Amino acid sequence: MVTFVNDDIEAKYISLLKNDRVKKKIDWIIEQIKINPTFGEPIAKRLIPLSKTEINATIIEWFTNHKSYDKGFGY
């Protein structure tokens, strides 16, 4: 199951046009996570809550370019 961290992020995703390259990329990543739940950047196992019944991915934020990524992480 894939969820969004809050309604604002979900609304932003929903507002993207079907053919928008960002939406296509997010959809592709969601499919990759469904195929392989370990897809993406690894994080420390101690930060992952225990869950034996389901795997859940949460979209917190996405960046469309390096400049916004750098700004988001304070570089």
PDB file of N, CA and C in Angstrom:
ATOM      1  N   MET A   1       0.839  -1.167   0.000  1.00  0.00           N
ATOM      2  CA  MET A   1       0.000   0.000   0.000  1.00  0.00           C
ATOM      3  C   MET A   1       0.889   1.236   0.000  1.00  0.00           C
ATOM      4  N   VAL A   2       0.540   2.214  -0.787  1.00  0.00           N
ATOM      5  CA  VAL A   2       1.277   3.472  -0.847  1.00  0.00           C
ATOM      6  C   VAL A   2       0.342   4.574  -0.365  1.00  0.00           C
ATOM      7  N   THR A   3       0.823   5.384   0.573  1.00  0.00           N
ATOM      8  CA  THR A   3       0.037   6.498   1.094  1.00  0.00           C
ATOM      9  C   THR A   3       0.856   7.775   1.008  1.00  0.00           C
ATOM     10  N   PHE A   4       0.200   8.879   1.191  1.00  0.00           N
ATOM     11  CA  PHE A   4       0.865  10.179   1.206  1.00  0.00           C
ATOM     12  C   PHE A   4       0.941  10.660   2.643  1.00  0.00           C
ATOM     13  N   VAL A   5       1.974  11.410   2.961  1.00  0.00           N
ATOM     14  CA  VAL A   5       2.204  11.833   4.345  1.00  0.00           C
ATOM     15  C   VAL A   5       1.096  12.758   4.845  1.00  0.00           C
ATOM     16  N   ASN A   6       0.476  13.514   3.940  1.00  0.00           N
ATOM     17  CA  ASN A   6      -0.644  14.362   4.344  1.00  0.00           C
ATOM     18  C   ASN A   6      -1.517  14.678   3.136  1.00  0.00           C
ATOM     19  N   ASP A   7      -2.653  15.296   3.395  1.00  0.00           N
ATOM     20  CA  ASP A   7      -3.614  15.600   2.324  1.00  0.00           C
ATOM     21  C   ASP A   7      -3.066  16.589   1.302  1.00  0.00           C
ATOM     22  N   ASP A   8      -2.214  17.524   1.742  1.00  0.00           N
ATOM     23  CA  ASP A   8      -1.652  18.511   0.808  1.00  0.00           C
ATOM     24  C   ASP A   8      -0.771  17.844  -0.246  1.00  0.00           C
ATOM     25  N   ILE A   9       0.080  16.909   0.185  1.00  0.00           N
ATOM     26  CA  ILE A   9       0.951  16.204  -0.760  1.00  0.00           C
ATOM     27  C   ILE A   9       0.102  15.357  -1.707  1.00  0.00           C
ATOM     28  N   GLU A  10      -0.918  14.703  -1.169  1.00  0.00           N
ATOM     29  CA  GLU A  10      -1.794  13.889  -2.019  1.00  0.00           C
ATOM     30  C   GLU A  10      -2.539  14.761  -3.026  1.00  0.00           C
ATOM     31  N   ALA A  11      -3.041  15.907  -2.591  1.00  0.00           N
ATOM     32  CA  ALA A  11      -3.753  16.818  -3.493  1.00  0.00           C
ATOM     33  C   ALA A  11      -2.826  17.330  -4.591  1.00  0.00           C
ATOM     34  N   LYS A  12      -1.576  17.624  -4.228  1.00  0.00           N
ATOM     35  CA  LYS A  12      -0.601  18.075  -5.223  1.00  0.00           C
ATOM     36  C   LYS A  12      -0.369  16.989  -6.269  1.00  0.00           C
ATOM     37  N   TYR A  13      -0.247  15.732  -5.813  1.00  0.00           N
ATOM     38  CA  TYR A  13      -0.064  14.611  -6.738  1.00  0.00           C
ATOM     39  C   TYR A  13      -1.291  14.452  -7.641  1.00  0.00           C
ATOM     40  N   ILE A  14      -2.473  14.493  -7.053  1.00  0.00           N
ATOM     41  CA  ILE A  14      -3.708  14.317  -7.823  1.00  0.00           C
ATOM     42  C   ILE A  14      -3.878  15.427  -8.856  1.00  0.00           C
ATOM     43  N   SER A  15      -3.420  16.640  -8.525  1.00  0.00           N
ATOM     44  CA  SER A  15      -3.586  17.771  -9.443  1.00  0.00           C
ATOM     45  C   SER A  15      -2.669  17.696 -10.669  1.00  0.00           C
ATOM     46  N   LEU A  16      -1.649  16.843 -10.613  1.00  0.00           N
ATOM     47  CA  LEU A  16      -0.759  16.700 -11.764  1.00  0.00           C
ATOM     48  C   LEU A  16      -1.516  16.061 -12.929  1.00  0.00           C
ATOM     49  N   LEU A  17      -1.246  16.539 -14.125  1.00  0.00           N
ATOM     50  CA  LEU A  17      -1.880  15.964 -15.309  1.00  0.00           C
ATOM     51  C   LEU A  17      -1.392  14.543 -15.542  1.00  0.00           C
ATOM     52  N   LYS A  18      -2.220  13.734 -16.175  1.00  0.00           N
ATOM     53  CA  LYS A  18      -1.898  12.323 -16.407  1.00  0.00           C
ATOM     54  C   LYS A  18      -0.569  12.143 -17.142  1.00  0.00           C
ATOM     55  N   ASN A  19      -0.278  13.012 -18.094  1.00  0.00           N
ATOM     56  CA  ASN A  19       0.941  12.889 -18.897  1.00  0.00           C
ATOM     57  C   ASN A  19       2.118  13.697 -18.342  1.00  0.00           C
ATOM     58  N   ASP A  20       1.958  14.310 -17.176  1.00  0.00           N
ATOM     59  CA  ASP A  20       3.037  15.073 -16.560  1.00  0.00           C
ATOM     60  C   ASP A  20       4.211  14.144 -16.270  1.00  0.00           C
ATOM     61  N   ARG A  21       5.421  14.566 -16.607  1.00  0.00           N
ATOM     62  CA  ARG A  21       6.586  13.694 -16.422  1.00  0.00           C
ATOM     63  C   ARG A  21       6.837  13.376 -14.955  1.00  0.00           C
ATOM     64  N   VAL A  22       6.534  14.318 -14.059  1.00  0.00           N
ATOM     65  CA  VAL A  22       6.713  14.077 -12.626  1.00  0.00           C
ATOM     66  C   VAL A  22       5.732  13.002 -12.154  1.00  0.00           C
ATOM     67  N   LYS A  23       4.470  13.106 -12.586  1.00  0.00           N
ATOM     68  CA  LYS A  23       3.467  12.114 -12.186  1.00  0.00           C
ATOM     69  C   LYS A  23       3.842  10.738 -12.731  1.00  0.00           C
ATOM     70  N   LYS A  24       4.312  10.701 -13.980  1.00  0.00           N
ATOM     71  CA  LYS A  24       4.732   9.424 -14.562  1.00  0.00           C
ATOM     72  C   LYS A  24       5.874   8.814 -13.763  1.00  0.00           C
ATOM     73  N   LYS A  25       6.827   9.635 -13.338  1.00  0.00           N
ATOM     74  CA  LYS A  25       7.973   9.147 -12.563  1.00  0.00           C
ATOM     75  C   LYS A  25       7.518   8.639 -11.190  1.00  0.00           C
ATOM     76  N   ILE A  26       6.630   9.383 -10.535  1.00  0.00           N
ATOM     77  CA  ILE A  26       6.115   8.945  -9.238  1.00  0.00           C
ATOM     78  C   ILE A  26       5.368   7.627  -9.393  1.00  0.00           C
ATOM     79  N   ASP A  27       4.542   7.518 -10.427  1.00  0.00           N
ATOM     80  CA  ASP A  27       3.808   6.272 -10.680  1.00  0.00           C
ATOM     81  C   ASP A  27       4.768   5.116 -10.926  1.00  0.00           C
ATOM     82  N   TRP A  28       5.842   5.371 -11.680  1.00  0.00           N
ATOM     83  CA  TRP A  28       6.835   4.327 -11.946  1.00  0.00           C
ATOM     84  C   TRP A  28       7.500   3.871 -10.644  1.00  0.00           C
ATOM     85  N   ILE A  29       7.853   4.834  -9.807  1.00  0.00           N
ATOM     86  CA  ILE A  29       8.492   4.498  -8.528  1.00  0.00           C
ATOM     87  C   ILE A  29       7.532   3.702  -7.645  1.00  0.00           C
ATOM     88  N   ILE A  30       6.263   4.090  -7.614  1.00  0.00           N
ATOM     89  CA  ILE A  30       5.267   3.335  -6.845  1.00  0.00           C
ATOM     90  C   ILE A  30       5.213   1.895  -7.330  1.00  0.00           C
ATOM     91  N   GLU A  31       5.215   1.688  -8.637  1.00  0.00           N
ATOM     92  CA  GLU A  31       5.199   0.320  -9.186  1.00  0.00           C
ATOM     93  C   GLU A  31       6.455  -0.447  -8.795  1.00  0.00           C
ATOM     94  N   GLN A  32       7.617   0.231  -8.828  1.00  0.00           N
ATOM     95  CA  GLN A  32       8.860  -0.429  -8.432  1.00  0.00           C
ATOM     96  C   GLN A  32       8.809  -0.862  -6.963  1.00  0.00           C
ATOM     97  N   ILE A  33       8.234  -0.024  -6.114  1.00  0.00           N
ATOM     98  CA  ILE A  33       8.102  -0.370  -4.696  1.00  0.00           C
ATOM     99  C   ILE A  33       7.170  -1.561  -4.523  1.00  0.00           C
ATOM    100  N   LYS A  34       6.098  -1.623  -5.317  1.00  0.00           N
ATOM    101  CA  LYS A  34       5.171  -2.765  -5.243  1.00  0.00           C
ATOM    102  C   LYS A  34       5.869  -4.058  -5.654  1.00  0.00           C
ATOM    103  N   ILE A  35       6.730  -3.976  -6.674  1.00  0.00           N
ATOM    104  CA  ILE A  35       7.457  -5.151  -7.151  1.00  0.00           C
ATOM    105  C   ILE A  35       8.548  -5.544  -6.161  1.00  0.00           C
ATOM    106  N   ASN A  36       9.274  -4.548  -5.669  1.00  0.00           N
ATOM    107  CA  ASN A  36      10.406  -4.796  -4.784  1.00  0.00           C
ATOM    108  C   ASN A  36      10.358  -3.805  -3.624  1.00  0.00           C
ATOM    109  N   PRO A  37       9.805  -4.216  -2.476  1.00  0.00           N
ATOM    110  CA  PRO A  37       9.661  -3.294  -1.346  1.00  0.00           C
ATOM    111  C   PRO A  37      10.971  -2.704  -0.831  1.00  0.00           C
ATOM    112  N   THR A  38      12.110  -3.260  -1.212  1.00  0.00           N
ATOM    113  CA  THR A  38      13.394  -2.706  -0.770  1.00  0.00           C
ATOM    114  C   THR A  38      13.957  -1.701  -1.770  1.00  0.00           C
ATOM    115  N   PHE A  39      13.200  -1.368  -2.809  1.00  0.00           N
ATOM    116  CA  PHE A  39      13.618  -0.402  -3.818  1.00  0.00           C
ATOM    117  C   PHE A  39      13.850   0.961  -3.168  1.00  0.00           C
ATOM    118  N   GLY A  40      14.887   1.658  -3.578  1.00  0.00           N
ATOM    119  CA  GLY A  40      15.137   3.008  -3.095  1.00  0.00           C
ATOM    120  C   GLY A  40      16.338   3.080  -2.183  1.00  0.00           C
ATOM    121  N   GLU A  41      16.475   4.205  -1.544  1.00  0.00           N
ATOM    122  CA  GLU A  41      17.603   4.442  -0.656  1.00  0.00           C
ATOM    123  C   GLU A  41      17.414   3.670   0.646  1.00  0.00           C
ATOM    124  N   PRO A  42      18.418   2.891   1.035  1.00  0.00           N
ATOM    125  CA  PRO A  42      18.294   2.155   2.302  1.00  0.00           C
ATOM    126  C   PRO A  42      18.393   3.102   3.501  1.00  0.00           C
ATOM    127  N   ILE A  43      17.640   2.773   4.549  1.00  0.00           N
ATOM    128  CA  ILE A  43      17.740   3.513   5.803  1.00  0.00           C
ATOM    129  C   ILE A  43      18.060   2.531   6.914  1.00  0.00           C
ATOM    130  N   ALA A  44      18.535   3.046   8.016  1.00  0.00           N
ATOM    131  CA  ALA A  44      18.913   2.183   9.130  1.00  0.00           C
ATOM    132  C   ALA A  44      17.712   1.363   9.603  1.00  0.00           C
ATOM    133  N   LYS A  45      17.916   0.068   9.807  1.00  0.00           N
ATOM    134  CA  LYS A  45      16.824  -0.811  10.218  1.00  0.00           C
ATOM    135  C   LYS A  45      16.208  -0.385  11.542  1.00  0.00           C
ATOM    136  N   ARG A  46      16.997   0.236  12.405  1.00  0.00           N
ATOM    137  CA  ARG A  46      16.470   0.668  13.698  1.00  0.00           C
ATOM    138  C   ARG A  46      15.419   1.770  13.538  1.00  0.00           C
ATOM    139  N   LEU A  47      15.393   2.429  12.377  1.00  0.00           N
ATOM    140  CA  LEU A  47      14.420   3.487  12.126  1.00  0.00           C
ATOM    141  C   LEU A  47      13.111   2.964  11.533  1.00  0.00           C
ATOM    142  N   ILE A  48      13.093   1.688  11.167  1.00  0.00           N
ATOM    143  CA  ILE A  48      11.912   1.094  10.550  1.00  0.00           C
ATOM    144  C   ILE A  48      11.051   0.456  11.635  1.00  0.00           C
ATOM    145  N   PRO A  49       9.779   0.879  11.769  1.00  0.00           N
ATOM    146  CA  PRO A  49       8.928   0.262  12.783  1.00  0.00           C
ATOM    147  C   PRO A  49       8.628  -1.190  12.423  1.00  0.00           C
ATOM    148  N   LEU A  50       8.448  -2.014  13.445  1.00  0.00           N
ATOM    149  CA  LEU A  50       8.139  -3.422  13.213  1.00  0.00           C
ATOM    150  C   LEU A  50       6.743  -3.546  12.613  1.00  0.00           C
ATOM    151  N   SER A  51       6.604  -4.337  11.558  1.00  0.00           N
ATOM    152  CA  SER A  51       5.306  -4.590  10.914  1.00  0.00           C
ATOM    153  C   SER A  51       5.364  -5.953  10.274  1.00  0.00           C
ATOM    154  N   LYS A  52       4.553  -6.869  10.748  1.00  0.00           N
ATOM    155  CA  LYS A  52       4.554  -8.226  10.207  1.00  0.00           C
ATOM    156  C   LYS A  52       3.390  -8.474   9.261  1.00  0.00           C
ATOM    157  N   THR A  53       2.450  -7.535   9.157  1.00  0.00           N
ATOM    158  CA  THR A  53       1.266  -7.787   8.364  1.00  0.00           C
ATOM    159  C   THR A  53       1.262  -7.116   7.006  1.00  0.00           C
ATOM    160  N   GLU A  54       1.950  -5.998   6.865  1.00  0.00           N
ATOM    161  CA  GLU A  54       1.931  -5.306   5.581  1.00  0.00           C
ATOM    162  C   GLU A  54       3.159  -4.422   5.418  1.00  0.00           C
ATOM    163  N   ILE A  55       3.446  -4.102   4.180  1.00  0.00           N
ATOM    164  CA  ILE A  55       4.508  -3.147   3.865  1.00  0.00           C
ATOM    165  C   ILE A  55       3.814  -1.901   3.353  1.00  0.00           C
ATOM    166  N   ASN A  56       4.163  -0.774   3.899  1.00  0.00           N
ATOM    167  CA  ASN A  56       3.515   0.472   3.546  1.00  0.00           C
ATOM    168  C   ASN A  56       4.571   1.494   3.151  1.00  0.00           C
ATOM    169  N   ALA A  57       4.411   2.118   2.008  1.00  0.00           N
ATOM    170  CA  ALA A  57       5.319   3.180   1.569  1.00  0.00           C
ATOM    171  C   ALA A  57       4.582   4.501   1.678  1.00  0.00           C
ATOM    172  N   THR A  58       5.239   5.497   2.222  1.00  0.00           N
ATOM    173  CA  THR A  58       4.639   6.813   2.383  1.00  0.00           C
ATOM    174  C   THR A  58       5.427   7.830   1.577  1.00  0.00           C
ATOM    175  N   ILE A  59       4.734   8.565   0.729  1.00  0.00           N
ATOM    176  CA  ILE A  59       5.362   9.623  -0.051  1.00  0.00           C
ATOM    177  C   ILE A  59       5.356  10.873   0.813  1.00  0.00           C
ATOM    178  N   ILE A  60       6.543  11.343   1.154  1.00  0.00           N
ATOM    179  CA  ILE A  60       6.669  12.508   2.013  1.00  0.00           C
ATOM    180  C   ILE A  60       6.791  13.772   1.167  1.00  0.00           C
ATOM    181  N   GLU A  61       7.622  13.699   0.147  1.00  0.00           N
ATOM    182  CA  GLU A  61       7.888  14.852  -0.708  1.00  0.00           C
ATOM    183  C   GLU A  61       8.625  14.362  -1.938  1.00  0.00           C
ATOM    184  N   TRP A  62       8.582  15.120  -3.014  1.00  0.00           N
ATOM    185  CA  TRP A  62       9.395  14.792  -4.176  1.00  0.00           C
ATOM    186  C   TRP A  62      10.021  16.065  -4.715  1.00  0.00           C
ATOM    187  N   PHE A  63      11.132  15.894  -5.377  1.00  0.00           N
ATOM    188  CA  PHE A  63      11.866  17.017  -5.935  1.00  0.00           C
ATOM    189  C   PHE A  63      11.958  16.840  -7.440  1.00  0.00           C
ATOM    190  N   THR A  64      11.783  17.941  -8.163  1.00  0.00           N
ATOM    191  CA  THR A  64      11.799  17.868  -9.622  1.00  0.00           C
ATOM    192  C   THR A  64      13.157  18.190 -10.218  1.00  0.00           C
ATOM    193  N   ASN A  65      14.067  18.717  -9.395  1.00  0.00           N
ATOM    194  CA  ASN A  65      15.406  19.023  -9.897  1.00  0.00           C
ATOM    195  C   ASN A  65      16.380  19.112  -8.722  1.00  0.00           C
ATOM    196  N   HIS A  66      17.655  19.191  -9.037  1.00  0.00           N
ATOM    197  CA  HIS A  66      18.683  19.223  -7.995  1.00  0.00           C
ATOM    198  C   HIS A  66      18.609  20.500  -7.159  1.00  0.00           C
ATOM    199  N   LYS A  67      18.226  21.605  -7.772  1.00  0.00           N
ATOM    200  CA  LYS A  67      18.167  22.860  -7.041  1.00  0.00           C
ATOM    201  C   LYS A  67      17.128  22.777  -5.922  1.00  0.00           C
ATOM    202  N   SER A  68      15.948  22.225  -6.211  1.00  0.00           N
ATOM    203  CA  SER A  68      14.926  22.110  -5.169  1.00  0.00           C
ATOM    204  C   SER A  68      15.328  21.057  -4.131  1.00  0.00           C
ATOM    205  N   TYR A  69      16.029  20.013  -4.567  1.00  0.00           N
ATOM    206  CA  TYR A  69      16.541  18.998  -3.626  1.00  0.00           C
ATOM    207  C   TYR A  69      17.544  19.641  -2.670  1.00  0.00           C
ATOM    208  N   ASP A  70      18.485  20.400  -3.201  1.00  0.00           N
ATOM    209  CA  ASP A  70      19.488  21.069  -2.375  1.00  0.00           C
ATOM    210  C   ASP A  70      18.825  22.023  -1.378  1.00  0.00           C
ATOM    211  N   LYS A  71      17.824  22.767  -1.854  1.00  0.00           N
ATOM    212  CA  LYS A  71      17.118  23.706  -0.979  1.00  0.00           C
ATOM    213  C   LYS A  71      16.363  22.947   0.116  1.00  0.00           C
ATOM    214  N   GLY A  72      15.731  21.842  -0.244  1.00  0.00           N
ATOM    215  CA  GLY A  72      14.961  21.047   0.710  1.00  0.00           C
ATOM    216  C   GLY A  72      15.813  20.455   1.806  1.00  0.00           C
ATOM    217  N   PHE A  73      17.063  20.147   1.500  1.00  0.00           N
ATOM    218  CA  PHE A  73      17.957  19.556   2.483  1.00  0.00           C
ATOM    219  C   PHE A  73      19.011  20.529   3.005  1.00  0.00           C
ATOM    220  N   GLY A  74      18.859  21.811   2.640  1.00  0.00           N
ATOM    221  CA  GLY A  74      19.728  22.850   3.186  1.00  0.00           C
ATOM    222  C   GLY A  74      21.154  22.859   2.663  1.00  0.00           C
ATOM    223  N   TYR A  75      21.342  22.416   1.428  1.00  0.00           N
ATOM    224  CA  TYR A  75      22.696  22.459   0.843  1.00  0.00           C
ATOM    225  C   TYR A  75      22.954  23.796   0.204  1.00  0.00           C
TER     226      TYR A  75
END
